[in-house]
Amino acid sequence: MQEPAATSAAATPLSTLSERSGFVRTGRYPEVVALCEAFATRYPDAVRCFDFGTSPEGRPMKAMAVSRSGALTAETARERGLPVVLMQGGIHAGEIDGKDAGFLALRQVLEGEAAPDALDALVWLFVPVFNVDGHERFGAWNRPNQRGPEEMGWRTTARNHNLNRDYLKADSPEMQAMLALAEAWDPIVYVDLHATNGAQFEHDISVQIEPLHSGDAALARAGLALRDGLLAGLEAQGSLPLPFYPSFEVHDDPSSGIVDGVSPPRFSHGYFPLRNRFGILVETHSWKEYPVRVRITRNLVVGMLEQAARHGRDWLTIAAEADARAAALAGQPVALDYAATERTRIVDFRGYAWTRTPSDISGAPATRYDESTPQVWKMPLRDEIVPGTVVEAPRGGYIVPAAYAGPVAEKLDQHGIGYTRIGCSDMHSFRLCGFNAPEPSDVEVFRADSADFAAQSMEGRQRLAVKGGWTRERRVVRDGALFVPIAQPKARLVMALLEPQAPDSLLQWGWFNNAFERKEYMEAYVAEDVARDMLRDPEVRAAFDRRLAEDPEFAASPAARLEWFHRRHSSWDERLGLYPVFRTATVPR
């Protein structure tokens, strides 16, 4: 006799409310839970339904492992050398095309209507809704620039995190759960299903992939072939796909054209290339009706499974070779970000007739589109992408001093990055860790010439931008510090976290702001006496007089003049502006 839960799952139809409504509506999150269990009950040899996390509001975060190979656990998939493709819907829960399209494709693939042999050759990991709490903040106007469904979820989480800004810093419990899922299953491809914002035009979907302009060169060549294969498949089914994100350089002005680029690793398709895996951003066009968007997303899902079944084992080989090359990056130049050059080409873009005239509502120029009049725009496109900030990888790795080791270690663990602790191997000995007197070590340190704190918070953090450079110094490294070797497959991910000028580094997300805040001061009347005493040194007098003569702004500022002396005094905080992560050319013993 079946248990009640199993009986209920067996009776659950394998279609969504969306499908039954003609893709006018979308279901609530309990439908995801019920469908996950129902598919596993109906196809026990091909589907496993499991929780991979719990949301802040207590909802289970559901994932489905789908394969006819018998490999429904991460361990079995790894043992059999099967490619794993992870697809997620609802990271922005108002853009819910991926959930309904994924369930539709899942039923069709299992019933043999689509990609009939794909599940023999791979494991499909499907997360119908990533942002589960946002999904249940349901409303009719949560996406005012989107056509359907009638009601949908909200962009951000219950804690107001935008999950597609959180991949590297991983502040949210949802992202920490997703990173654990990715670390366990190691998907060769991570597909992030969205619906875009933007102008009105005829193109119905965009597909971006990295590595393509970034990362490992061999993996980038495979990424180009994968992207072109997906676009060709979509075109064959009547779509007008784009290989770049259709956002204008000047918002709401089609004449300004489009600038392509490489997204930083706060985004899904910027993050996974740092792990030497493919990250794919899929954006259906929000102004297409919901049935159209679901159909096109379903086509993309099936096309991705077909591509992975055909080429997935080759991708695994290329990725393993990329891992080995990444582990040998020590001393080599590595790009931390990328930018488009000024080189422009004109492309045909399928838009509509439009006007841009002053608005009597806002007072600003307003763009209006005439969807009854298709028009081919001669669109300026800048898509020559080159490295931006480039640094040489450390020859040994990074050292995180003991004072910061705890929180940084937690972050490294979340990303599956290897590290060791310096000293303190026997924590139960009578020796107090960190209280021995180690000799200074030769390391590289980064001192900021300037530190600019953002005027307002972003994702709940005050970002920090620094200018400066690495120089050699002798610093004391106490027991309990972390050593993060560069000789590991995730070397690029290590650098993205720990290089201070990387766009989503821990420093730039405000983890070390205290190190750049001045805490101690010298009163002006004290500084006056200190200055007079220091000026007895002829070299100090000459340097001060020279600065007065060469810098009128400095000469006119009493505070700057007194600080000039304080910075040369032994009371000045030599750690101010010192980034509390070092680089080393050797491996500590």
Protein backbone atom coordinates (compact mmCIF):
# COMPACT_ATOMS: atom_id res chain seq x y z
CA MET A 1 0.00 0.00 0.00
CA GLN A 2 1.34 3.42 -0.94
CA GLU A 3 2.05 6.07 1.64
CA PRO A 4 -0.39 9.04 1.46
CA ALA A 5 2.30 11.41 0.15
CA ALA A 6 3.24 8.99 -2.61
CA THR A 7 -0.43 8.48 -3.52
CA SER A 8 -0.87 12.24 -3.80
CA ALA A 9 2.25 12.57 -5.95
CA ALA A 10 1.12 9.77 -8.24
CA ALA A 11 -2.22 11.52 -8.76
CA THR A 12 -0.65 14.91 -9.53
CA PRO A 13 -0.83 15.76 -13.24
CA LEU A 14 2.57 16.33 -14.85
CA SER A 15 1.39 19.54 -16.49
CA THR A 16 1.60 22.99 -14.93
CA LEU A 17 -1.19 25.45 -14.26
CA SER A 18 0.56 27.54 -16.88
CA GLU A 19 0.15 24.88 -19.55
CA ARG A 20 -3.46 24.17 -18.59
CA SER A 21 -4.28 27.90 -18.78
CA GLY A 22 -2.77 28.27 -22.23
CA PHE A 23 0.29 29.91 -20.66
CA VAL A 24 -1.73 32.85 -19.40
CA ARG A 25 -1.05 32.14 -15.73
CA THR A 26 1.74 30.60 -13.66
CA GLY A 27 1.36 28.47 -10.55
CA ARG A 28 2.41 29.18 -6.98
CA TYR A 29 5.39 27.54 -5.33
CA PRO A 30 3.48 24.57 -3.81
CA GLU A 31 2.96 23.45 -7.42
CA VAL A 32 6.75 23.21 -7.84
CA VAL A 33 6.98 21.02 -4.74
CA ALA A 34 4.12 18.81 -5.91
CA LEU A 35 5.47 18.46 -9.47
CA CYS A 36 8.97 17.67 -8.23
CA GLU A 37 7.60 14.78 -6.17
CA ALA A 38 5.15 13.70 -8.88
CA PHE A 39 7.82 13.38 -11.57
CA ALA A 40 10.02 11.39 -9.18
CA THR A 41 7.11 9.09 -8.36
CA ARG A 42 6.09 8.59 -11.97
CA TYR A 43 9.68 8.09 -13.21
CA PRO A 44 11.60 6.66 -10.23
CA ASP A 45 14.43 5.35 -12.43
CA ALA A 46 14.92 8.68 -14.20
CA VAL A 47 14.05 11.45 -11.73
CA ARG A 48 15.17 12.25 -8.21
CA CYS A 49 13.55 15.15 -6.32
CA PHE A 50 15.53 16.63 -3.44
CA ASP A 51 15.99 19.73 -1.30
CA PHE A 52 19.27 21.60 -1.66
CA GLY A 53 18.52 24.38 0.80
CA THR A 54 15.92 26.25 2.81
CA SER A 55 14.92 29.84 2.15
CA PRO A 56 14.94 32.55 4.85
CA GLU A 57 11.13 32.21 5.05
CA GLY A 58 11.43 28.45 5.55
CA ARG A 59 10.54 27.14 2.10
CA PRO A 60 12.33 24.09 0.67
CA MET A 61 14.57 24.86 -2.30
CA LYS A 62 13.84 22.05 -4.76
CA ALA A 63 16.11 20.49 -7.35
CA MET A 64 15.56 17.59 -9.72
CA ALA A 65 18.24 15.22 -11.01
CA VAL A 66 17.08 13.74 -14.31
CA SER A 67 18.85 10.98 -16.26
CA ARG A 68 18.17 7.57 -17.79
CA SER A 69 21.78 6.55 -17.15
CA GLY A 70 21.08 5.49 -13.58
CA ALA A 71 23.24 8.32 -12.26
CA LEU A 72 20.91 10.31 -10.02
CA THR A 73 23.51 11.35 -7.45
CA ALA A 74 26.51 13.59 -7.83
CA GLU A 75 28.85 10.77 -6.84
CA THR A 76 27.50 8.39 -9.47
CA ALA A 77 27.56 11.04 -12.19
CA ARG A 78 31.19 11.77 -11.35
CA GLU A 79 32.16 8.08 -11.27
CA ARG A 80 30.62 7.50 -14.70
CA GLY A 81 32.11 10.62 -16.25
CA LEU A 82 28.73 12.02 -17.27
CA PRO A 83 28.29 15.70 -18.12
CA VAL A 84 25.96 17.52 -15.74
CA VAL A 85 23.87 20.42 -17.07
CA LEU A 86 22.34 22.65 -14.40
CA MET A 87 19.42 24.82 -15.49
CA GLN A 88 17.72 27.23 -13.14
CA GLY A 89 14.56 29.28 -13.41
CA GLY A 90 13.25 32.10 -11.30
CA ILE A 91 16.46 33.67 -9.98
CA HIS A 92 14.36 36.80 -10.63
CA ALA A 93 11.02 35.28 -9.74
CA GLY A 94 8.98 37.68 -11.87
CA GLU A 95 10.88 36.35 -14.90
CA ILE A 96 9.41 32.91 -14.50
CA ASP A 97 9.58 31.57 -18.08
CA GLY A 98 12.23 29.00 -17.11
CA LYS A 99 10.05 27.26 -14.52
CA ASP A 100 7.08 26.63 -16.82
CA ALA A 101 9.22 25.93 -19.89
CA GLY A 102 11.45 23.59 -17.90
CA PHE A 103 8.57 21.49 -16.61
CA LEU A 104 7.08 21.32 -20.10
CA ALA A 105 10.40 20.21 -21.60
CA LEU A 106 10.93 17.73 -18.76
CA ARG A 107 7.67 15.92 -19.44
CA GLN A 108 8.26 15.88 -23.19
CA VAL A 109 11.80 14.54 -22.83
CA LEU A 110 10.74 11.84 -20.40
CA GLU A 111 7.86 10.82 -22.68
CA GLY A 112 10.19 10.69 -25.69
CA GLU A 113 8.60 13.62 -27.56
CA ALA A 114 11.82 15.67 -27.51
CA ALA A 115 15.55 14.88 -27.35
CA PRO A 116 14.67 11.18 -26.96
CA ASP A 117 18.18 9.87 -26.28
CA ALA A 118 19.66 12.84 -24.43
CA LEU A 119 19.00 11.54 -20.93
CA ASP A 120 21.09 8.44 -21.61
CA ALA A 121 24.20 10.59 -22.06
CA LEU A 122 23.95 13.23 -19.33
CA VAL A 123 22.46 14.33 -16.05
CA TRP A 124 20.05 17.25 -16.18
CA LEU A 125 19.93 19.15 -12.90
CA PHE A 126 16.81 21.34 -12.89
CA VAL A 127 16.06 24.03 -10.30
CA PRO A 128 12.58 25.29 -11.27
CA VAL A 129 12.71 28.31 -8.93
CA PHE A 130 15.88 29.64 -7.32
CA ASN A 131 14.35 32.66 -5.56
CA VAL A 132 11.55 30.77 -3.82
CA ASP A 133 10.54 33.50 -1.34
CA GLY A 134 10.45 36.12 -4.07
CA HIS A 135 8.28 33.74 -6.10
CA GLU A 136 5.59 33.92 -3.44
CA ARG A 137 5.53 37.72 -3.34
CA PHE A 138 2.90 37.39 -6.02
CA GLY A 139 1.25 40.26 -7.88
CA ALA A 140 -0.17 41.40 -11.21
CA TRP A 141 2.20 44.34 -11.74
CA ASN A 142 5.46 42.99 -10.36
CA ARG A 143 6.92 43.26 -13.87
CA PRO A 144 5.28 46.36 -15.42
CA ASN A 145 7.41 46.09 -18.60
CA GLN A 146 6.56 42.45 -19.26
CA ARG A 147 3.62 40.81 -21.06
CA GLY A 148 2.39 38.00 -18.88
CA PRO A 149 1.77 35.91 -16.99
CA GLU A 150 -1.25 37.46 -15.27
CA GLU A 151 0.55 37.40 -11.91
CA MET A 152 4.14 36.63 -11.07
CA GLY A 153 6.71 36.77 -8.29
CA TRP A 154 9.16 39.49 -7.27
CA ARG A 155 12.68 40.22 -8.47
CA THR A 156 14.48 39.99 -5.12
CA THR A 157 14.48 37.68 -2.12
CA ALA A 158 12.69 38.09 1.21
CA ARG A 159 15.86 39.87 2.42
CA ASN A 160 15.83 42.03 -0.73
CA HIS A 161 18.92 40.41 -2.25
CA ASN A 162 19.22 40.35 -6.02
CA LEU A 163 20.58 36.84 -6.40
CA ASN A 164 22.06 37.61 -9.81
CA ARG A 165 24.44 40.03 -8.11
CA ASP A 166 25.47 37.58 -5.41
CA TYR A 167 27.45 34.75 -7.03
CA LEU A 168 30.89 35.82 -5.86
CA LYS A 169 30.16 37.55 -2.54
CA ALA A 170 27.46 34.93 -1.71
CA ASP A 171 25.82 36.92 1.09
CA SER A 172 22.41 35.26 0.79
CA PRO A 173 21.57 31.81 2.19
CA GLU A 174 19.98 30.99 -1.16
CA MET A 175 23.25 31.61 -3.00
CA GLN A 176 25.25 29.68 -0.44
CA ALA A 177 22.90 26.73 -1.05
CA MET A 178 23.31 27.08 -4.83
CA LEU A 179 27.10 27.17 -4.59
CA ALA A 180 27.01 24.02 -2.47
CA LEU A 181 24.84 22.37 -5.12
CA ALA A 182 27.25 23.43 -7.87
CA GLU A 183 30.26 22.28 -5.86
CA ALA A 184 28.69 18.87 -5.27
CA TRP A 185 27.59 18.25 -8.87
CA ASP A 186 30.22 20.30 -10.76
CA PRO A 187 28.01 21.08 -13.77
CA ILE A 188 29.90 21.55 -17.02
CA VAL A 189 27.18 24.02 -18.09
CA TYR A 190 25.12 26.36 -15.91
CA VAL A 191 22.10 27.82 -17.71
CA ASP A 192 20.37 30.84 -16.13
CA LEU A 193 16.87 31.44 -17.57
CA HIS A 194 15.56 35.04 -17.56
CA ALA A 195 13.25 37.47 -19.33
CA THR A 196 14.93 40.75 -20.21
CA ASN A 197 13.78 44.34 -19.85
CA GLY A 198 14.32 46.96 -22.52
CA ALA A 199 13.04 48.34 -25.78
CA GLN A 200 10.41 46.90 -28.09
CA PHE A 201 11.76 44.99 -31.08
CA GLU A 202 11.24 41.76 -33.01
CA HIS A 203 14.11 39.68 -31.62
CA ASP A 204 12.71 37.22 -29.10
CA ILE A 205 15.67 35.74 -27.23
CA SER A 206 19.34 36.41 -26.53
CA VAL A 207 21.94 33.80 -25.59
CA GLN A 208 25.27 34.84 -24.05
CA ILE A 209 27.99 32.43 -23.05
CA GLU A 210 31.36 32.60 -21.35
CA PRO A 211 34.10 31.57 -21.72
CA LEU A 212 33.90 33.21 -25.12
CA HIS A 213 35.75 36.49 -24.77
CA SER A 214 37.28 35.54 -21.41
CA GLY A 215 38.93 32.70 -19.58
CA ASP A 216 40.63 29.62 -21.00
CA ALA A 217 41.19 29.87 -24.76
CA ALA A 218 40.30 26.27 -25.62
CA LEU A 219 37.17 26.43 -23.49
CA ALA A 220 36.27 29.71 -25.23
CA ARG A 221 36.48 28.03 -28.64
CA ALA A 222 34.13 25.31 -27.43
CA GLY A 223 31.87 28.02 -25.97
CA LEU A 224 31.62 29.71 -29.35
CA ALA A 225 30.63 26.45 -31.02
CA LEU A 226 28.03 25.78 -28.31
CA ARG A 227 26.53 29.25 -28.59
CA ASP A 228 26.36 29.07 -32.39
CA GLY A 229 24.73 25.65 -32.18
CA LEU A 230 22.07 26.93 -29.79
CA LEU A 231 21.37 30.00 -31.95
CA ALA A 232 21.12 27.88 -35.10
CA GLY A 233 18.65 25.56 -33.41
CA LEU A 234 16.50 28.47 -32.28
CA GLU A 235 16.57 30.03 -35.75
CA ALA A 236 15.46 26.72 -37.28
CA GLN A 237 12.40 26.86 -35.02
CA GLY A 238 11.45 30.36 -36.13
CA SER A 239 13.14 32.52 -33.50
CA LEU A 240 15.18 35.67 -34.03
CA PRO A 241 17.96 35.08 -31.49
CA LEU A 242 20.73 37.48 -30.54
CA PRO A 243 24.26 36.64 -29.33
CA PHE A 244 24.46 39.74 -27.11
CA TYR A 245 22.34 41.43 -24.44
CA PRO A 246 19.99 43.90 -26.19
CA SER A 247 20.51 46.92 -23.96
CA PHE A 248 21.32 50.30 -25.51
CA GLU A 249 24.44 52.23 -24.59
CA VAL A 250 22.21 55.20 -23.79
CA HIS A 251 19.12 53.94 -22.03
CA ASP A 252 15.95 54.21 -24.12
CA ASP A 253 17.78 55.56 -27.19
CA PRO A 254 18.05 52.96 -30.00
CA SER A 255 20.32 55.22 -32.05
CA SER A 256 23.07 54.91 -29.41
CA GLY A 257 23.65 51.28 -30.31
CA ILE A 258 24.79 48.34 -28.19
CA VAL A 259 28.04 47.63 -26.36
CA ASP A 260 28.84 43.96 -25.75
CA GLY A 261 31.05 42.81 -22.91
CA VAL A 262 31.96 40.24 -20.27
CA SER A 263 29.90 40.39 -17.12
CA PRO A 264 31.71 40.41 -13.77
CA PRO A 265 31.34 37.36 -11.54
CA ARG A 266 28.50 38.77 -9.47
CA PHE A 267 26.44 37.41 -12.40
CA SER A 268 25.96 33.71 -13.12
CA HIS A 269 27.51 33.78 -16.59
CA GLY A 270 30.45 35.81 -15.27
CA TYR A 271 31.03 33.46 -12.35
CA PHE A 272 31.15 29.97 -13.84
CA PRO A 273 33.92 30.72 -16.36
CA LEU A 274 36.16 31.36 -13.35
CA ARG A 275 35.56 27.71 -12.45
CA ASN A 276 36.45 26.70 -16.05
CA ARG A 277 32.84 25.81 -16.79
CA PHE A 278 30.30 27.30 -19.20
CA GLY A 279 27.92 29.97 -17.92
CA ILE A 280 24.96 30.75 -20.18
CA LEU A 281 22.59 33.68 -19.75
CA VAL A 282 19.27 33.22 -21.58
CA GLU A 283 16.97 36.23 -21.91
CA THR A 284 13.62 35.98 -23.65
CA HIS A 285 12.23 39.34 -24.66
CA SER A 286 9.80 40.62 -22.04
CA TRP A 287 7.50 42.28 -24.60
CA LYS A 288 6.67 38.96 -26.22
CA GLU A 289 3.49 37.35 -24.88
CA TYR A 290 4.04 34.73 -22.19
CA PRO A 291 3.03 31.73 -24.36
CA VAL A 292 5.63 32.81 -26.93
CA ARG A 293 8.34 33.22 -24.29
CA VAL A 294 7.63 29.84 -22.71
CA ARG A 295 7.70 28.11 -26.10
CA ILE A 296 11.03 29.68 -27.04
CA THR A 297 12.55 28.92 -23.63
CA ARG A 298 11.37 25.33 -23.97
CA ASN A 299 13.13 25.16 -27.34
CA LEU A 300 16.33 26.47 -25.77
CA VAL A 301 16.12 23.92 -22.94
CA VAL A 302 15.69 21.02 -25.35
CA GLY A 303 18.40 22.38 -27.64
CA MET A 304 20.79 22.62 -24.68
CA LEU A 305 20.13 18.99 -23.75
CA GLU A 306 20.75 17.90 -27.34
CA GLN A 307 24.02 19.83 -27.50
CA ALA A 308 25.18 18.39 -24.17
CA ALA A 309 24.30 14.83 -25.17
CA ARG A 310 26.31 15.26 -28.37
CA HIS A 311 29.32 17.16 -27.06
CA GLY A 312 29.23 16.90 -23.26
CA ARG A 313 32.02 14.36 -22.84
CA ASP A 314 34.26 16.44 -25.11
CA TRP A 315 33.52 19.47 -22.95
CA LEU A 316 34.54 17.52 -19.85
CA THR A 317 37.88 16.73 -21.45
CA ILE A 318 38.46 20.36 -22.44
CA ALA A 319 37.43 21.53 -18.96
CA ALA A 320 39.83 19.11 -17.27
CA GLU A 321 42.63 20.43 -19.46
CA ALA A 322 41.54 24.00 -18.61
CA ASP A 323 41.69 23.10 -14.91
CA ALA A 324 45.28 21.96 -15.36
CA ARG A 325 46.22 25.13 -17.24
CA ALA A 326 44.59 27.29 -14.55
CA ALA A 327 46.57 25.50 -11.87
CA ALA A 328 49.74 26.59 -13.73
CA LEU A 329 48.90 30.32 -13.94
CA ALA A 330 51.50 31.36 -11.35
CA GLY A 331 53.46 34.37 -12.58
CA GLN A 332 51.35 34.78 -15.71
CA PRO A 333 49.23 37.82 -16.65
CA VAL A 334 45.55 37.30 -15.83
CA ALA A 335 42.68 39.59 -16.84
CA LEU A 336 40.42 40.66 -13.98
CA ASP A 337 37.89 42.38 -16.22
CA TYR A 338 37.17 43.12 -19.87
CA ALA A 339 35.91 46.02 -21.96
CA ALA A 340 34.72 46.73 -25.48
CA THR A 341 37.00 48.79 -27.70
CA GLU A 342 35.76 51.79 -29.67
CA ARG A 343 35.67 49.69 -32.83
CA THR A 344 32.11 49.80 -34.15
CA ARG A 345 30.35 47.79 -36.82
CA ILE A 346 26.83 48.20 -38.15
CA VAL A 347 24.44 45.27 -37.87
CA ASP A 348 20.87 44.75 -39.02
CA PHE A 349 18.61 44.77 -35.97
CA ARG A 350 14.93 43.84 -36.29
CA GLY A 351 13.10 46.65 -34.53
CA TYR A 352 10.00 48.80 -35.04
CA ALA A 353 9.47 52.36 -36.17
CA TRP A 354 10.16 54.69 -33.28
CA THR A 355 10.16 58.33 -32.31
CA ARG A 356 11.95 60.18 -29.55
CA THR A 357 10.30 63.45 -28.57
CA PRO A 358 9.98 65.59 -25.43
CA SER A 359 7.43 64.33 -22.94
CA ASP A 360 4.88 66.62 -21.33
CA ILE A 361 4.81 64.17 -18.39
CA SER A 362 8.48 63.85 -17.44
CA GLY A 363 9.93 66.73 -19.40
CA ALA A 364 12.59 64.38 -20.77
CA PRO A 365 12.87 62.83 -24.23
CA ALA A 366 10.56 59.80 -24.41
CA THR A 367 10.82 56.93 -26.87
CA ARG A 368 7.68 55.46 -28.41
CA TYR A 369 7.56 52.33 -30.56
CA ASP A 370 5.05 51.46 -33.27
CA GLU A 371 4.69 47.67 -33.22
CA SER A 372 2.52 47.80 -36.33
CA THR A 373 5.53 48.94 -38.36
CA PRO A 374 8.51 46.55 -38.33
CA GLN A 375 11.75 48.24 -39.27
CA VAL A 376 15.34 47.11 -39.73
CA TRP A 377 17.61 49.33 -37.69
CA LYS A 378 21.19 49.88 -38.79
CA MET A 379 22.48 49.34 -35.29
CA PRO A 380 25.98 50.39 -34.13
CA LEU A 381 27.52 47.46 -32.28
CA ARG A 382 30.77 47.45 -30.33
CA ASP A 383 31.66 43.81 -29.79
CA GLU A 384 35.45 43.71 -29.92
CA ILE A 385 36.23 42.65 -26.35
CA VAL A 386 39.70 42.97 -24.84
CA PRO A 387 41.18 42.52 -21.36
CA GLY A 388 40.85 45.55 -19.09
CA THR A 389 42.64 45.31 -15.75
CA VAL A 390 45.44 42.75 -16.03
CA VAL A 391 47.67 41.62 -13.14
CA GLU A 392 50.36 39.01 -12.81
CA ALA A 393 49.22 36.03 -10.77
CA PRO A 394 51.26 35.51 -7.59
CA ARG A 395 53.93 32.85 -7.89
CA GLY A 396 52.95 31.16 -4.65
CA GLY A 397 49.56 32.41 -3.54
CA TYR A 398 47.84 34.68 -1.05
CA ILE A 399 48.21 34.99 2.71
CA VAL A 400 45.22 36.09 4.78
CA PRO A 401 46.39 37.23 8.24
CA ALA A 402 44.95 35.46 11.26
CA ALA A 403 42.72 38.39 12.21
CA TYR A 404 40.74 37.93 8.99
CA ALA A 405 41.17 34.18 8.53
CA GLY A 406 37.79 33.13 9.95
CA PRO A 407 35.40 35.04 7.67
CA VAL A 408 37.61 34.63 4.60
CA ALA A 409 37.91 30.87 5.18
CA GLU A 410 34.14 30.62 5.31
CA LYS A 411 33.91 32.35 1.94
CA LEU A 412 36.61 30.15 0.41
CA ASP A 413 34.76 27.07 1.67
CA GLN A 414 31.57 28.23 -0.01
CA HIS A 415 33.37 28.39 -3.35
CA GLY A 416 35.28 25.13 -2.87
CA ILE A 417 38.66 26.89 -2.94
CA GLY A 418 41.60 25.09 -1.38
CA TYR A 419 43.70 26.63 1.40
CA THR A 420 45.78 25.67 4.41
CA ARG A 421 46.38 27.26 7.79
CA ILE A 422 49.83 28.46 8.69
CA GLY A 423 50.95 26.90 11.99
CA CYS A 424 48.43 25.91 14.67
CA SER A 425 48.21 22.40 13.25
CA ASP A 426 47.65 21.04 16.76
CA MET A 427 44.95 23.24 18.21
CA HIS A 428 44.87 21.20 21.44
CA SER A 429 48.51 21.74 22.33
CA PHE A 430 49.54 23.97 25.22
CA ARG A 431 51.16 26.43 22.78
CA LEU A 432 48.96 29.46 22.23
CA CYS A 433 48.47 29.98 18.50
CA GLY A 434 49.69 33.34 17.29
CA PHE A 435 51.58 34.24 20.45
CA ASN A 436 54.94 32.96 19.38
CA ALA A 437 57.26 35.57 17.90
CA PRO A 438 57.63 34.73 14.20
CA GLU A 439 60.25 36.33 12.04
CA PRO A 440 59.05 38.79 9.37
CA SER A 441 58.49 37.23 5.95
CA ASP A 442 59.12 38.66 2.51
CA VAL A 443 55.70 39.22 0.97
CA GLU A 444 53.97 41.51 -1.49
CA VAL A 445 51.61 44.06 0.02
CA PHE A 446 49.05 46.36 -1.57
CA ARG A 447 48.90 49.89 -0.20
CA ALA A 448 46.13 52.15 -1.43
CA ASP A 449 47.07 55.53 -2.86
CA SER A 450 43.38 56.39 -2.74
CA ALA A 451 40.28 54.71 -1.33
CA ASP A 452 36.86 55.85 -2.49
CA PHE A 453 33.84 54.64 -0.54
CA ALA A 454 30.56 54.48 -2.45
CA ALA A 455 28.06 57.17 -1.50
CA GLN A 456 25.25 54.67 -1.07
CA SER A 457 24.98 50.98 -0.37
CA MET A 458 24.62 48.30 -3.03
CA GLU A 459 23.11 44.95 -2.11
CA GLY A 460 23.38 46.01 1.52
CA ARG A 461 27.12 46.72 1.29
CA GLN A 462 29.19 49.87 0.93
CA ARG A 463 31.47 49.24 -2.01
CA LEU A 464 35.07 50.46 -2.07
CA ALA A 465 37.32 51.32 -5.01
CA VAL A 466 41.07 51.58 -4.46
CA LYS A 467 44.08 52.66 -6.47
CA GLY A 468 47.53 51.44 -5.65
CA GLY A 469 49.94 48.62 -6.38
CA TRP A 470 51.80 45.63 -5.01
CA THR A 471 55.27 46.20 -3.50
CA ARG A 472 57.60 43.98 -1.51
CA GLU A 473 57.78 44.33 2.29
CA ARG A 474 58.68 42.26 5.28
CA ARG A 475 55.58 41.50 7.36
CA VAL A 476 54.96 39.29 10.36
CA VAL A 477 52.63 36.40 9.52
CA ARG A 478 51.32 34.80 12.68
CA ASP A 479 50.05 31.28 13.18
CA GLY A 480 46.43 30.91 12.16
CA ALA A 481 46.83 32.83 8.90
CA LEU A 482 45.53 31.23 5.71
CA PHE A 483 47.64 30.33 2.72
CA VAL A 484 45.61 30.18 -0.49
CA PRO A 485 47.73 28.59 -3.23
CA ILE A 486 47.43 29.85 -6.77
CA ALA A 487 48.28 26.33 -8.01
CA GLN A 488 44.72 25.04 -8.09
CA PRO A 489 42.07 24.69 -10.82
CA LYS A 490 40.07 27.63 -9.44
CA ALA A 491 43.03 30.03 -9.67
CA ARG A 492 40.99 32.61 -11.58
CA LEU A 493 38.27 32.43 -8.94
CA VAL A 494 40.90 32.91 -6.22
CA MET A 495 42.14 36.05 -7.96
CA ALA A 496 38.60 37.36 -8.49
CA LEU A 497 38.05 37.16 -4.73
CA LEU A 498 41.43 38.34 -3.43
CA GLU A 499 42.92 40.73 -5.98
CA PRO A 500 41.90 44.16 -4.62
CA GLN A 501 41.20 45.67 -8.05
CA ALA A 502 39.02 42.82 -9.29
CA PRO A 503 35.49 44.20 -9.81
CA ASP A 504 33.80 41.82 -7.37
CA SER A 505 36.66 41.16 -4.97
CA LEU A 506 35.97 40.91 -1.27
CA LEU A 507 37.69 44.28 -0.91
CA GLN A 508 35.46 45.98 -3.46
CA TRP A 509 32.36 44.55 -1.75
CA GLY A 510 33.39 46.23 1.49
CA TRP A 511 34.80 43.30 3.46
CA PHE A 512 37.91 45.24 4.50
CA ASN A 513 36.59 48.80 4.77
CA ASN A 514 37.93 49.14 8.29
CA ALA A 515 41.49 48.84 6.99
CA PHE A 516 40.97 52.03 4.98
CA GLU A 517 39.34 54.09 7.74
CA ARG A 518 41.54 56.38 9.80
CA LYS A 519 41.08 55.73 13.53
CA GLU A 520 43.81 57.76 15.26
CA TYR A 521 44.56 61.48 15.02
CA MET A 522 47.07 64.06 16.22
CA GLU A 523 45.62 67.24 17.65
CA ALA A 524 46.60 70.38 15.75
CA TYR A 525 48.41 71.97 18.69
CA VAL A 526 50.46 68.79 19.12
CA ALA A 527 51.16 68.58 15.39
CA GLU A 528 52.46 72.16 15.44
CA ASP A 529 55.12 71.26 18.01
CA VAL A 530 55.95 67.99 16.23
CA ALA A 531 56.36 69.84 12.95
CA ARG A 532 58.71 72.45 14.40
CA ASP A 533 60.85 69.74 15.89
CA MET A 534 60.94 67.76 12.60
CA LEU A 535 61.91 70.87 10.61
CA ARG A 536 65.25 70.94 12.38
CA ASP A 537 66.22 68.15 9.97
CA PRO A 538 67.52 69.89 6.79
CA GLU A 539 66.15 67.12 4.56
CA VAL A 540 62.65 67.43 6.05
CA ARG A 541 62.83 71.25 5.71
CA ALA A 542 63.85 70.98 2.05
CA ALA A 543 61.10 68.47 1.26
CA PHE A 544 58.46 70.60 2.99
CA ASP A 545 59.54 73.80 1.24
CA ARG A 546 59.54 72.00 -2.09
CA ARG A 547 56.00 70.71 -1.54
CA LEU A 548 54.81 74.20 -0.61
CA ALA A 549 56.30 75.65 -3.79
CA GLU A 550 55.01 72.92 -6.12
CA ASP A 551 51.49 72.35 -4.77
CA PRO A 552 49.40 75.50 -4.21
CA GLU A 553 46.41 73.45 -3.02
CA PHE A 554 48.57 71.82 -0.37
CA ALA A 555 50.07 75.16 0.63
CA ALA A 556 46.57 76.61 1.14
CA SER A 557 45.37 73.76 3.39
CA PRO A 558 46.38 73.92 7.10
CA ALA A 559 45.09 70.37 7.66
CA ALA A 560 47.08 68.95 4.73
CA ARG A 561 50.24 70.69 5.90
CA LEU A 562 49.96 69.29 9.43
CA GLU A 563 49.12 65.82 8.12
CA TRP A 564 52.30 65.94 6.00
CA PHE A 565 54.28 65.95 9.22
CA HIS A 566 52.03 63.44 11.01
CA ARG A 567 52.56 60.91 8.19
CA ARG A 568 56.31 61.13 8.80
CA HIS A 569 55.96 60.72 12.56
CA SER A 570 56.19 57.39 14.38
CA SER A 571 52.62 57.85 15.65
CA TRP A 572 51.18 57.53 12.14
CA ASP A 573 49.24 54.26 11.61
CA GLU A 574 51.41 52.39 9.12
CA ARG A 575 48.54 49.94 8.52
CA LEU A 576 46.16 52.62 7.22
CA GLY A 577 45.43 51.78 3.61
CA LEU A 578 47.25 48.45 3.86
CA TYR A 579 45.12 45.73 2.26
CA PRO A 580 45.06 42.91 4.84
CA VAL A 581 45.80 40.18 2.31
CA PHE A 582 49.36 39.55 1.12
CA ARG A 583 50.87 37.78 -1.85
CA THR A 584 53.79 35.41 -1.61
CA ALA A 585 56.14 33.89 -4.16
CA THR A 586 56.76 30.82 -2.02
CA VAL A 587 54.64 28.16 -0.36
CA PRO A 588 54.77 28.52 3.46
CA ARG A 589 55.97 25.46 5.36
